Amino acid sequence: MGELRTRVLDIKIESIDSEAYVTGLEHAKETKLMPEELLQV
């Protein structure tokens, strides 16, 4: 695998759609897009 690099995102979030957020997390779990450690909420 390639080298991991730190990325900083400077995004101002006005409001969070909690349903979309949870849906995104579930999708990430199912597709293994994010390591399990990062998905512990």
Protein backbone atom coordinates (compact mmCIF):
# COMPACT_ATOMS: atom_id res chain seq x y z
CA MET A 1 0.00 0.00 0.00
CA GLY A 2 1.02 3.61 -0.42
CA GLU A 3 2.09 5.98 2.26
CA LEU A 4 -0.62 7.48 4.42
CA ARG A 5 -0.69 11.25 4.41
CA THR A 6 -2.53 13.59 6.70
CA ARG A 7 -5.18 15.65 5.00
CA VAL A 8 -6.73 18.70 6.62
CA LEU A 9 -10.12 19.82 5.43
CA ASP A 10 -11.19 23.35 6.35
CA ILE A 11 -14.89 23.18 5.70
CA LYS A 12 -17.47 25.28 7.49
CA ILE A 13 -20.53 23.17 8.21
CA GLU A 14 -23.75 25.11 8.64
CA SER A 15 -25.93 22.15 9.55
CA ILE A 16 -25.57 18.39 9.52
CA ASP A 17 -28.24 16.14 8.09
CA SER A 18 -28.08 13.49 10.80
CA GLU A 19 -29.98 10.93 8.73
CA ALA A 20 -27.57 11.33 5.82
CA TYR A 21 -24.63 11.19 8.26
CA VAL A 22 -25.79 7.88 9.73
CA THR A 23 -26.54 6.51 6.26
CA GLY A 24 -23.01 7.45 5.19
CA LEU A 25 -21.50 5.73 8.23
CA GLU A 26 -23.50 2.57 7.59
CA HIS A 27 -22.42 2.58 3.95
CA ALA A 28 -18.79 3.05 4.99
CA LYS A 29 -19.06 0.07 7.37
CA GLU A 30 -20.62 -2.14 4.70
CA THR A 31 -18.12 -1.23 2.03
CA LYS A 32 -15.11 -1.07 4.39
CA LEU A 33 -14.27 2.45 3.19
CA MET A 34 -13.24 3.40 6.71
CA PRO A 35 -11.36 1.36 9.32
CA GLU A 36 -13.58 -0.01 12.10
CA GLU A 37 -11.70 2.07 14.73
CA LEU A 38 -12.88 5.28 13.05
CA LEU A 39 -16.48 4.12 12.96
CA GLN A 40 -16.87 3.71 16.72
CA VAL A 41 -19.39 6.42 17.60
